[in-house]
Structures are given as structure tokens and as C-alpha cells.
Amino acid sequence: MSQSLKFVQEHLDESGPTDVTATFATWLALVERLKQKVADRFELERDPSTDVLEDFGGDTGAKGRVRGYAGPEIDWMVHSHMENAAAGFCNVHLTIWLGPQVKVPHFGMALGCFPQGWVYLDSVPRSYLVTDTESFDRYYEPVNAQWEQVRNENAFLEPFISRSAFVRAGLSPTAFCYMAPAADEMTELVTTLAEEHLDRWLGWVDEAEAVPFADRAALAADDEAIRRNIAERDPANVMGDRYFGPATTQRLVRALWGGDRQLPRALEHEAHPRA
């Protein structure tokens, strides 16, 4: 099984133009289905700060959409896509950052093409797992057998290993991060993994014990720092500069972490409960 030590833009630039419209449509439909399942479970409201990003584009023909949501249990959720599919690039996101009422890992999911198919599925840690062995034993060790199985039984998958040390530092030990030819074999496996990933995460949320009130403000602050650093330090932000220009890219990055949000954070719902 080979390994790539390249940035997204390097993969794209080294490949000839490849139309990935069909795979983009598959990724988009999958994420739409999963987002609806999340909306059925949680109280969510679209943050007005992302209204301006409902439909944006660039001179190259690239276009996209970013929708940010928040609610009493969800501090920030991003449902987005950006694509220049005819030229070989697409990216579809569903990332869900919980409020501090529970300490369940955050939900990470991104699917793409450049022009190989690409998948990232992870349970974003909210603590240092080497010391927080309770979280490790509860949320990561049980997934390890599936992680091993996926890696050992699917020779068509190539592990995606970023050249960025920061990106690698942000992955959990059970992150699924792979590339493969954008064909039925990959999309079928990714669909199964993504659906299982969300169902497992929703179960974790339902079964979680409440975090003590005294600990919630610190957890919320750490969560936002993680989210902001991941968004701002992503080396793939250069793709936004390329397709949409630096000004729009900076707005997109702020939307990913909630930098322009208008709705209250999940922690504030506790301080100001609804009547």
C-alpha cells in the first residue's frame, strides 16, 4: 500500500484535467442525507453570518456554498461544498462541533476529489488521549478493529498523509483518511463508513453523561481554539485563494470556525435558558 506525502494542490497540479462531476454529485447527495439525519436529532438554526455564502463563485468557474448552524447542543456545524468539478476538484464538508454539555468527540467529515477520490472521517478529540484514557477507551479503542479492517482489506485505498505536521497532529488514532480512484468501489465503501460514523456518533451523544457546569467554560474555549486553528492552518486554503481570491477565502475560513457568527454559542444557552 503506497503512501502520499503531498498537499492537495500538488495532487491536483500533477494530474491532468479530469471531470469529477459524477463523484461530486455522489458526495453531495451523501452529505445531504447525513445532514438531514442530524437536523432530525438536534435543534439547529442557520447563522445569518453565512447567508452571504449561500452561493459564491470565482472567475475560474469554481463555485460553492457554506452554511453554518448552531443550537443548544451544537456549538457550530458547517454544511458546505466548493467545486470546480469539471477541472478535477471538489470538497464537501459536514463538521459538527458539540457544545460543552457533553465531552463526546466532535464529528469530522470531508469528501473530495483532486482528482482522485478523497475521504476524511474522524472523531475529533477534545482532550489529550494519552492522559485522558477514559475518553480513549470509550471512543477510540472500540473503533480500532474497524480501522484495522478498512486498512487491511481494501488494497485500492491509499493512505492520505499530509506534508503538514499540524494536519497530522490533528488526526485521532482512528481517523479514516484515504485516497482512491473515484469509482464505485470507493464511493460504496465511503458511503457505508460515513453512515456508520454518524450513527455511532449520535449514539455516543445520546449516551453521554453531562459535563459538570464548572468545567464547561474551559471546554468551550478549548473547542473553539481547536476549531479555529484547524480552519486557519489548513494548507488546502490555497485552493480557496486560487479559485475565489484571498478576500473570499478569508471569509470562508472564518465561516468554518464561526468567526463572524451572530447566534449565541451553546454555552450561552445555559446562561440564558429559554422561557
C-alpha atoms as a PDB file:
ATOM      1  CA  MET A   1       0.000   0.000   0.000  1.00  0.00           C
ATOM      2  CA  SER A   2       1.661   3.238  -1.148  1.00  0.00           C
ATOM      3  CA  GLN A   3       1.598   6.488   0.759  1.00  0.00           C
ATOM      4  CA  SER A   4       1.424  10.071  -0.467  1.00  0.00           C
ATOM      5  CA  LEU A   5       3.337  12.911   1.170  1.00  0.00           C
ATOM      6  CA  LYS A   6       1.773  15.719  -0.805  1.00  0.00           C
ATOM      7  CA  PHE A   7      -0.531  18.673  -0.323  1.00  0.00           C
ATOM      8  CA  VAL A   8      -3.940  18.705  -2.006  1.00  0.00           C
ATOM      9  CA  GLN A   9      -2.777  21.272  -4.552  1.00  0.00           C
ATOM     10  CA  GLU A  10       0.188  19.106  -5.502  1.00  0.00           C
ATOM     11  CA  HIS A  11      -2.054  16.149  -6.300  1.00  0.00           C
ATOM     12  CA  LEU A  12      -4.288  18.377  -8.415  1.00  0.00           C
ATOM     13  CA  ASP A  13      -1.477  20.127 -10.260  1.00  0.00           C
ATOM     14  CA  GLU A  14       0.314  16.872 -11.093  1.00  0.00           C
ATOM     15  CA  SER A  15      -2.808  15.326 -12.658  1.00  0.00           C
ATOM     16  CA  GLY A  16      -4.312  16.231 -15.973  1.00  0.00           C
ATOM     17  CA  PRO A  17      -7.782  17.851 -16.077  1.00  0.00           C
ATOM     18  CA  THR A  18     -10.331  15.226 -15.083  1.00  0.00           C
ATOM     19  CA  ASP A  19     -14.076  15.751 -14.864  1.00  0.00           C
ATOM     20  CA  VAL A  20     -15.239  14.563 -11.420  1.00  0.00           C
ATOM     21  CA  THR A  21     -18.813  15.832 -11.710  1.00  0.00           C
ATOM     22  CA  ALA A  22     -20.325  12.388 -11.120  1.00  0.00           C
ATOM     23  CA  THR A  23     -18.346  11.773  -7.936  1.00  0.00           C
ATOM     24  CA  PHE A  24     -19.121  15.283  -6.696  1.00  0.00           C
ATOM     25  CA  ALA A  25     -22.834  14.555  -7.116  1.00  0.00           C
ATOM     26  CA  THR A  26     -22.438  11.311  -5.134  1.00  0.00           C
ATOM     27  CA  TRP A  27     -20.586  13.069  -2.299  1.00  0.00           C
ATOM     28  CA  LEU A  28     -23.102  15.904  -2.244  1.00  0.00           C
ATOM     29  CA  ALA A  29     -26.090  13.547  -2.011  1.00  0.00           C
ATOM     30  CA  LEU A  30     -24.455  11.515   0.765  1.00  0.00           C
ATOM     31  CA  VAL A  31     -23.694  14.573   2.876  1.00  0.00           C
ATOM     32  CA  GLU A  32     -27.199  15.947   2.317  1.00  0.00           C
ATOM     33  CA  ARG A  33     -28.684  12.698   3.671  1.00  0.00           C
ATOM     34  CA  LEU A  34     -26.448  12.727   6.717  1.00  0.00           C
ATOM     35  CA  LYS A  35     -27.095  16.402   7.387  1.00  0.00           C
ATOM     36  CA  GLN A  36     -30.832  15.728   7.382  1.00  0.00           C
ATOM     37  CA  LYS A  37     -30.377  12.985   9.969  1.00  0.00           C
ATOM     38  CA  VAL A  38     -28.523  15.467  12.159  1.00  0.00           C
ATOM     39  CA  ALA A  39     -31.267  18.073  11.674  1.00  0.00           C
ATOM     40  CA  ASP A  40     -33.860  15.498  12.745  1.00  0.00           C
ATOM     41  CA  ARG A  41     -31.981  14.920  16.007  1.00  0.00           C
ATOM     42  CA  PHE A  42     -30.840  18.417  17.041  1.00  0.00           C
ATOM     43  CA  GLU A  43     -32.411  21.852  17.283  1.00  0.00           C
ATOM     44  CA  LEU A  44     -30.480  23.915  14.736  1.00  0.00           C
ATOM     45  CA  GLU A  45     -30.693  27.460  13.372  1.00  0.00           C
ATOM     46  CA  ARG A  46     -28.896  28.838  10.333  1.00  0.00           C
ATOM     47  CA  ASP A  47     -26.470  31.552  11.392  1.00  0.00           C
ATOM     48  CA  PRO A  48     -27.161  34.763   9.425  1.00  0.00           C
ATOM     49  CA  SER A  49     -23.428  35.373   9.028  1.00  0.00           C
ATOM     50  CA  THR A  50     -23.311  32.619   6.419  1.00  0.00           C
ATOM     51  CA  ASP A  51     -26.233  33.882   4.317  1.00  0.00           C
ATOM     52  CA  VAL A  52     -23.768  35.774   2.105  1.00  0.00           C
ATOM     53  CA  LEU A  53     -22.041  32.446   1.364  1.00  0.00           C
ATOM     54  CA  GLU A  54     -25.145  30.685   0.076  1.00  0.00           C
ATOM     55  CA  ASP A  55     -23.891  30.975  -3.494  1.00  0.00           C
ATOM     56  CA  PHE A  56     -20.435  32.280  -4.330  1.00  0.00           C
ATOM     57  CA  GLY A  57     -18.095  31.831  -7.263  1.00  0.00           C
ATOM     58  CA  GLY A  58     -14.865  32.853  -8.901  1.00  0.00           C
ATOM     59  CA  ASP A  59     -13.542  33.820 -12.297  1.00  0.00           C
ATOM     60  CA  THR A  60     -12.272  30.267 -12.911  1.00  0.00           C
ATOM     61  CA  GLY A  61     -15.787  28.799 -12.911  1.00  0.00           C
ATOM     62  CA  ALA A  62     -15.472  27.451  -9.372  1.00  0.00           C
ATOM     63  CA  LYS A  63     -18.428  27.907  -7.044  1.00  0.00           C
ATOM     64  CA  GLY A  64     -19.563  26.915  -3.602  1.00  0.00           C
ATOM     65  CA  ARG A  65     -21.871  27.249  -0.620  1.00  0.00           C
ATOM     66  CA  VAL A  66     -21.241  27.433   3.124  1.00  0.00           C
ATOM     67  CA  ARG A  67     -23.992  27.122   5.705  1.00  0.00           C
ATOM     68  CA  GLY A  68     -23.255  27.485   9.406  1.00  0.00           C
ATOM     69  CA  TYR A  69     -25.663  26.317  12.102  1.00  0.00           C
ATOM     70  CA  ALA A  70     -25.839  26.491  15.878  1.00  0.00           C
ATOM     71  CA  GLY A  71     -28.177  25.399  18.644  1.00  0.00           C
ATOM     72  CA  PRO A  72     -28.466  24.481  22.311  1.00  0.00           C
ATOM     73  CA  GLU A  73     -26.419  21.280  21.871  1.00  0.00           C
ATOM     74  CA  ILE A  74     -24.402  22.180  18.786  1.00  0.00           C
ATOM     75  CA  ASP A  75     -21.889  24.996  19.122  1.00  0.00           C
ATOM     76  CA  TRP A  76     -21.144  25.174  15.380  1.00  0.00           C
ATOM     77  CA  MET A  77     -21.987  22.978  12.402  1.00  0.00           C
ATOM     78  CA  VAL A  78     -20.709  23.520   8.876  1.00  0.00           C
ATOM     79  CA  HIS A  79     -22.516  22.089   5.864  1.00  0.00           C
ATOM     80  CA  SER A  80     -20.608  23.205   2.792  1.00  0.00           C
ATOM     81  CA  HIS A  81     -19.188  22.454  -0.600  1.00  0.00           C
ATOM     82  CA  MET A  82     -16.735  24.036  -3.028  1.00  0.00           C
ATOM     83  CA  GLU A  83     -16.099  22.729  -6.500  1.00  0.00           C
ATOM     84  CA  ASN A  84     -14.603  23.149  -9.897  1.00  0.00           C
ATOM     85  CA  ALA A  85     -15.638  19.610 -10.772  1.00  0.00           C
ATOM     86  CA  ALA A  86     -15.045  19.905 -14.500  1.00  0.00           C
ATOM     87  CA  ALA A  87     -11.401  20.687 -13.713  1.00  0.00           C
ATOM     88  CA  GLY A  88     -10.993  17.849 -11.192  1.00  0.00           C
ATOM     89  CA  PHE A  89     -11.646  19.492  -7.812  1.00  0.00           C
ATOM     90  CA  CYS A  90     -14.447  19.232  -5.270  1.00  0.00           C
ATOM     91  CA  ASN A  91     -14.769  19.322  -1.489  1.00  0.00           C
ATOM     92  CA  VAL A  92     -17.872  18.592   0.599  1.00  0.00           C
ATOM     93  CA  HIS A  93     -17.966  19.107   4.374  1.00  0.00           C
ATOM     94  CA  LEU A  94     -20.135  18.155   7.314  1.00  0.00           C
ATOM     95  CA  THR A  95     -18.388  19.074  10.547  1.00  0.00           C
ATOM     96  CA  ILE A  96     -20.240  19.187  13.867  1.00  0.00           C
ATOM     97  CA  TRP A  97     -18.791  20.817  16.978  1.00  0.00           C
ATOM     98  CA  LEU A  98     -20.695  19.969  20.123  1.00  0.00           C
ATOM     99  CA  GLY A  99     -21.386  22.293  22.999  1.00  0.00           C
ATOM    100  CA  PRO A 100     -19.646  21.693  26.332  1.00  0.00           C
ATOM    101  CA  GLN A 101     -22.609  19.930  27.925  1.00  0.00           C
ATOM    102  CA  VAL A 102     -21.032  16.605  26.917  1.00  0.00           C
ATOM    103  CA  LYS A 103     -17.448  15.573  26.176  1.00  0.00           C
ATOM    104  CA  VAL A 104     -18.168  13.381  23.158  1.00  0.00           C
ATOM    105  CA  PRO A 105     -15.626  13.895  20.338  1.00  0.00           C
ATOM    106  CA  HIS A 106     -16.655  16.292  17.603  1.00  0.00           C
ATOM    107  CA  PHE A 107     -17.838  14.883  14.262  1.00  0.00           C
ATOM    108  CA  GLY A 108     -15.483  15.395  11.333  1.00  0.00           C
ATOM    109  CA  MET A 109     -16.314  14.522   7.734  1.00  0.00           C
ATOM    110  CA  ALA A 110     -14.944  15.796   4.435  1.00  0.00           C
ATOM    111  CA  LEU A 111     -15.161  14.195   0.999  1.00  0.00           C
ATOM    112  CA  GLY A 112     -13.432  15.377  -2.102  1.00  0.00           C
ATOM    113  CA  CYS A 113     -11.652  14.853  -5.386  1.00  0.00           C
ATOM    114  CA  PHE A 114      -8.366  16.300  -6.642  1.00  0.00           C
ATOM    115  CA  PRO A 115      -8.966  14.409  -8.950  1.00  0.00           C
ATOM    116  CA  GLN A 116      -8.573  11.138  -7.027  1.00  0.00           C
ATOM    117  CA  GLY A 117     -11.403  10.478  -4.623  1.00  0.00           C
ATOM    118  CA  TRP A 118     -10.614  11.513  -1.052  1.00  0.00           C
ATOM    119  CA  VAL A 119     -12.231  10.825   2.313  1.00  0.00           C
ATOM    120  CA  TYR A 120     -11.674  12.113   5.843  1.00  0.00           C
ATOM    121  CA  LEU A 121     -13.779  10.742   8.702  1.00  0.00           C
ATOM    122  CA  ASP A 122     -12.736  11.366  12.274  1.00  0.00           C
ATOM    123  CA  SER A 123     -13.869  11.773  15.848  1.00  0.00           C
ATOM    124  CA  VAL A 124     -12.059  14.991  16.747  1.00  0.00           C
ATOM    125  CA  PRO A 125     -10.548  14.637  20.241  1.00  0.00           C
ATOM    126  CA  ARG A 126     -11.354  17.183  22.932  1.00  0.00           C
ATOM    127  CA  SER A 127      -8.537  16.144  25.251  1.00  0.00           C
ATOM    128  CA  TYR A 128      -5.057  14.625  25.246  1.00  0.00           C
ATOM    129  CA  LEU A 129      -5.863  10.939  24.891  1.00  0.00           C
ATOM    130  CA  VAL A 130      -2.626   9.685  26.422  1.00  0.00           C
ATOM    131  CA  THR A 131      -3.716  11.158  29.760  1.00  0.00           C
ATOM    132  CA  ASP A 132      -7.492  11.087  29.230  1.00  0.00           C
ATOM    133  CA  THR A 133      -7.606   7.319  28.954  1.00  0.00           C
ATOM    134  CA  GLU A 134     -11.305   7.281  29.821  1.00  0.00           C
ATOM    135  CA  SER A 135     -12.108   9.062  26.539  1.00  0.00           C
ATOM    136  CA  PHE A 136      -9.638   6.876  24.655  1.00  0.00           C
ATOM    137  CA  ASP A 137     -11.153   3.643  25.982  1.00  0.00           C
ATOM    138  CA  ARG A 138     -14.694   4.813  25.350  1.00  0.00           C
ATOM    139  CA  TYR A 139     -14.465   6.421  21.920  1.00  0.00           C
ATOM    140  CA  TYR A 140     -11.316   5.248  20.143  1.00  0.00           C
ATOM    141  CA  GLU A 141     -10.302   1.759  21.199  1.00  0.00           C
ATOM    142  CA  PRO A 142     -13.699   0.284  20.147  1.00  0.00           C
ATOM    143  CA  VAL A 143     -13.242   1.709  16.621  1.00  0.00           C
ATOM    144  CA  ASN A 144      -9.721   0.381  16.224  1.00  0.00           C
ATOM    145  CA  ALA A 145     -10.792  -3.030  14.927  1.00  0.00           C
ATOM    146  CA  GLN A 146     -12.778  -1.403  12.110  1.00  0.00           C
ATOM    147  CA  TRP A 147      -9.870   0.956  11.385  1.00  0.00           C
ATOM    148  CA  GLU A 148      -7.549  -2.060  11.005  1.00  0.00           C
ATOM    149  CA  GLN A 149     -10.059  -3.916   8.850  1.00  0.00           C
ATOM    150  CA  VAL A 150     -10.526  -0.997   6.445  1.00  0.00           C
ATOM    151  CA  ARG A 151      -6.770  -0.560   6.110  1.00  0.00           C
ATOM    152  CA  ASN A 152      -6.008  -4.268   5.632  1.00  0.00           C
ATOM    153  CA  GLU A 153      -8.884  -5.350   3.377  1.00  0.00           C
ATOM    154  CA  ASN A 154      -9.099  -2.541   0.795  1.00  0.00           C
ATOM    155  CA  ALA A 155      -5.979  -2.564  -1.327  1.00  0.00           C
ATOM    156  CA  PHE A 156      -7.386   0.126  -3.621  1.00  0.00           C
ATOM    157  CA  LEU A 157      -7.179   2.689  -0.790  1.00  0.00           C
ATOM    158  CA  GLU A 158      -4.043   4.795  -0.452  1.00  0.00           C
ATOM    159  CA  PRO A 159      -3.495   6.446   2.942  1.00  0.00           C
ATOM    160  CA  PHE A 160      -3.507  10.221   2.579  1.00  0.00           C
ATOM    161  CA  ILE A 161      -0.684  11.640   4.679  1.00  0.00           C
ATOM    162  CA  SER A 162      -0.347  15.402   4.624  1.00  0.00           C
ATOM    163  CA  ARG A 163       3.058  17.059   4.478  1.00  0.00           C
ATOM    164  CA  SER A 164       1.745  19.413   7.173  1.00  0.00           C
ATOM    165  CA  ALA A 165       2.813  18.336  10.657  1.00  0.00           C
ATOM    166  CA  PHE A 166      -0.060  20.370  12.106  1.00  0.00           C
ATOM    167  CA  VAL A 167      -2.625  18.490   9.994  1.00  0.00           C
ATOM    168  CA  ARG A 168      -1.150  15.180  11.109  1.00  0.00           C
ATOM    169  CA  ALA A 169      -1.228  16.342  14.749  1.00  0.00           C
ATOM    170  CA  GLY A 170      -4.956  16.995  14.477  1.00  0.00           C
ATOM    171  CA  LEU A 171      -5.908  13.455  13.471  1.00  0.00           C
ATOM    172  CA  SER A 172      -7.122  10.940  16.026  1.00  0.00           C
ATOM    173  CA  PRO A 173      -5.656   7.407  16.083  1.00  0.00           C
ATOM    174  CA  THR A 174      -8.797   6.065  14.381  1.00  0.00           C
ATOM    175  CA  ALA A 175      -9.126   8.672  11.626  1.00  0.00           C
ATOM    176  CA  PHE A 176     -10.078   7.343   8.184  1.00  0.00           C
ATOM    177  CA  CYS A 177      -8.100   9.434   5.699  1.00  0.00           C
ATOM    178  CA  TYR A 178      -7.624   7.916   2.263  1.00  0.00           C
ATOM    179  CA  MET A 179      -7.412   8.484  -1.460  1.00  0.00           C
ATOM    180  CA  ALA A 180      -8.530   6.141  -4.219  1.00  0.00           C
ATOM    181  CA  PRO A 181      -9.730   6.231  -7.812  1.00  0.00           C
ATOM    182  CA  ALA A 182     -13.115   7.960  -7.832  1.00  0.00           C
ATOM    183  CA  ALA A 183     -15.087   4.881  -8.812  1.00  0.00           C
ATOM    184  CA  ASP A 184     -17.984   2.808  -7.479  1.00  0.00           C
ATOM    185  CA  GLU A 185     -15.732   0.682  -5.278  1.00  0.00           C
ATOM    186  CA  MET A 186     -14.611   3.712  -3.331  1.00  0.00           C
ATOM    187  CA  THR A 187     -17.928   5.550  -3.130  1.00  0.00           C
ATOM    188  CA  GLU A 188     -19.723   2.439  -1.875  1.00  0.00           C
ATOM    189  CA  LEU A 189     -17.164   1.878   0.893  1.00  0.00           C
ATOM    190  CA  VAL A 190     -17.149   5.549   1.889  1.00  0.00           C
ATOM    191  CA  THR A 191     -20.952   5.648   1.991  1.00  0.00           C
ATOM    192  CA  THR A 192     -21.012   2.706   4.402  1.00  0.00           C
ATOM    193  CA  LEU A 193     -18.250   4.135   6.595  1.00  0.00           C
ATOM    194  CA  ALA A 194     -19.817   7.605   6.710  1.00  0.00           C
ATOM    195  CA  GLU A 195     -23.258   6.317   7.663  1.00  0.00           C
ATOM    196  CA  GLU A 196     -21.775   4.129  10.388  1.00  0.00           C
ATOM    197  CA  HIS A 197     -19.615   7.024  11.574  1.00  0.00           C
ATOM    198  CA  LEU A 198     -22.635   9.287  12.048  1.00  0.00           C
ATOM    199  CA  ASP A 199     -24.847   6.631  13.643  1.00  0.00           C
ATOM    200  CA  ARG A 200     -22.087   5.736  16.107  1.00  0.00           C
ATOM    201  CA  TRP A 201     -21.540   9.403  16.960  1.00  0.00           C
ATOM    202  CA  LEU A 202     -25.243  10.048  17.510  1.00  0.00           C
ATOM    203  CA  GLY A 203     -25.305   7.061  19.860  1.00  0.00           C
ATOM    204  CA  TRP A 204     -22.380   8.476  21.792  1.00  0.00           C
ATOM    205  CA  VAL A 205     -24.198  11.786  22.214  1.00  0.00           C
ATOM    206  CA  ASP A 206     -27.373  10.104  23.423  1.00  0.00           C
ATOM    207  CA  GLU A 207     -25.472   8.004  25.977  1.00  0.00           C
ATOM    208  CA  ALA A 208     -23.090  10.700  27.258  1.00  0.00           C
ATOM    209  CA  GLU A 209     -23.049  11.922  30.829  1.00  0.00           C
ATOM    210  CA  ALA A 210     -23.342  15.664  31.420  1.00  0.00           C
ATOM    211  CA  VAL A 211     -20.147  17.638  31.959  1.00  0.00           C
ATOM    212  CA  PRO A 212     -20.128  19.463  35.322  1.00  0.00           C
ATOM    213  CA  PHE A 213     -21.152  23.115  34.897  1.00  0.00           C
ATOM    214  CA  ALA A 214     -17.896  24.318  36.438  1.00  0.00           C
ATOM    215  CA  ASP A 215     -15.905  22.615  33.653  1.00  0.00           C
ATOM    216  CA  ARG A 216     -17.927  23.779  30.670  1.00  0.00           C
ATOM    217  CA  ALA A 217     -16.468  27.228  30.009  1.00  0.00           C
ATOM    218  CA  ALA A 218     -12.924  25.861  29.752  1.00  0.00           C
ATOM    219  CA  LEU A 219     -14.044  23.042  27.467  1.00  0.00           C
ATOM    220  CA  ALA A 220     -15.909  25.511  25.206  1.00  0.00           C
ATOM    221  CA  ALA A 221     -12.811  27.721  24.980  1.00  0.00           C
ATOM    222  CA  ASP A 222     -10.615  24.761  24.036  1.00  0.00           C
ATOM    223  CA  ASP A 223     -13.156  23.626  21.444  1.00  0.00           C
ATOM    224  CA  GLU A 224     -13.156  26.999  19.709  1.00  0.00           C
ATOM    225  CA  ALA A 225      -9.358  27.155  19.740  1.00  0.00           C
ATOM    226  CA  ILE A 226      -9.150  23.715  18.118  1.00  0.00           C
ATOM    227  CA  ARG A 227     -11.751  24.660  15.516  1.00  0.00           C
ATOM    228  CA  ARG A 228     -10.117  27.977  14.673  1.00  0.00           C
ATOM    229  CA  ASN A 229      -6.612  26.562  14.429  1.00  0.00           C
ATOM    230  CA  ILE A 230      -7.737  23.730  12.153  1.00  0.00           C
ATOM    231  CA  ALA A 231      -9.521  26.182   9.843  1.00  0.00           C
ATOM    232  CA  GLU A 232      -6.787  28.806   9.735  1.00  0.00           C
ATOM    233  CA  ARG A 233      -3.831  26.430   9.429  1.00  0.00           C
ATOM    234  CA  ASP A 234      -5.286  24.183   6.717  1.00  0.00           C
ATOM    235  CA  PRO A 235      -2.715  24.121   3.883  1.00  0.00           C
ATOM    236  CA  ALA A 236      -5.563  23.492   1.427  1.00  0.00           C
ATOM    237  CA  ASN A 237      -6.727  27.082   1.959  1.00  0.00           C
ATOM    238  CA  VAL A 238      -4.513  27.926  -1.009  1.00  0.00           C
ATOM    239  CA  MET A 239      -7.164  26.249  -3.164  1.00  0.00           C
ATOM    240  CA  GLY A 240      -9.614  28.893  -1.990  1.00  0.00           C
ATOM    241  CA  ASP A 241      -7.146  31.625  -2.907  1.00  0.00           C
ATOM    242  CA  ARG A 242      -6.733  30.054  -6.333  1.00  0.00           C
ATOM    243  CA  TYR A 243     -10.432  29.711  -7.106  1.00  0.00           C
ATOM    244  CA  PHE A 244     -12.056  32.586  -5.194  1.00  0.00           C
ATOM    245  CA  GLY A 245      -9.318  35.045  -4.207  1.00  0.00           C
ATOM    246  CA  PRO A 246      -7.820  35.845  -0.787  1.00  0.00           C
ATOM    247  CA  ALA A 247     -10.671  38.059   0.467  1.00  0.00           C
ATOM    248  CA  THR A 248     -13.371  35.451  -0.121  1.00  0.00           C
ATOM    249  CA  THR A 249     -11.098  32.713   1.220  1.00  0.00           C
ATOM    250  CA  GLN A 250     -10.644  34.604   4.488  1.00  0.00           C
ATOM    251  CA  ARG A 251     -14.427  34.901   4.806  1.00  0.00           C
ATOM    252  CA  LEU A 252     -14.746  31.171   4.126  1.00  0.00           C
ATOM    253  CA  VAL A 253     -12.149  30.326   6.767  1.00  0.00           C
ATOM    254  CA  ARG A 254     -13.947  32.479   9.341  1.00  0.00           C
ATOM    255  CA  ALA A 255     -17.194  30.717   8.474  1.00  0.00           C
ATOM    256  CA  LEU A 256     -15.586  27.335   9.110  1.00  0.00           C
ATOM    257  CA  TRP A 257     -14.777  28.226  12.700  1.00  0.00           C
ATOM    258  CA  GLY A 258     -17.608  30.691  13.364  1.00  0.00           C
ATOM    259  CA  GLY A 259     -15.529  33.853  13.425  1.00  0.00           C
ATOM    260  CA  ASP A 260     -18.413  36.040  12.190  1.00  0.00           C
ATOM    261  CA  ARG A 261     -21.199  34.180  13.981  1.00  0.00           C
ATOM    262  CA  GLN A 262     -24.255  36.061  15.205  1.00  0.00           C
ATOM    263  CA  LEU A 263     -26.056  33.286  17.078  1.00  0.00           C
ATOM    264  CA  PRO A 264     -25.097  32.555  20.703  1.00  0.00           C
ATOM    265  CA  ARG A 265     -22.660  29.787  21.484  1.00  0.00           C
ATOM    266  CA  ALA A 266     -24.056  26.594  23.008  1.00  0.00           C
ATOM    267  CA  LEU A 267     -22.628  27.582  26.406  1.00  0.00           C
ATOM    268  CA  GLU A 268     -24.710  30.775  26.347  1.00  0.00           C
ATOM    269  CA  HIS A 269     -27.953  28.794  26.101  1.00  0.00           C
ATOM    270  CA  GLU A 270     -27.279  27.573  29.624  1.00  0.00           C
ATOM    271  CA  ALA A 271     -26.645  31.089  30.910  1.00  0.00           C
ATOM    272  CA  HIS A 272     -29.815  32.382  29.232  1.00  0.00           C
ATOM    273  CA  PRO A 273     -32.309  29.479  29.167  1.00  0.00           C
ATOM    274  CA  ARG A 274     -35.412  29.851  27.084  1.00  0.00           C
ATOM    275  CA  ALA A 275     -38.671  30.514  28.893  1.00  0.00           C
END
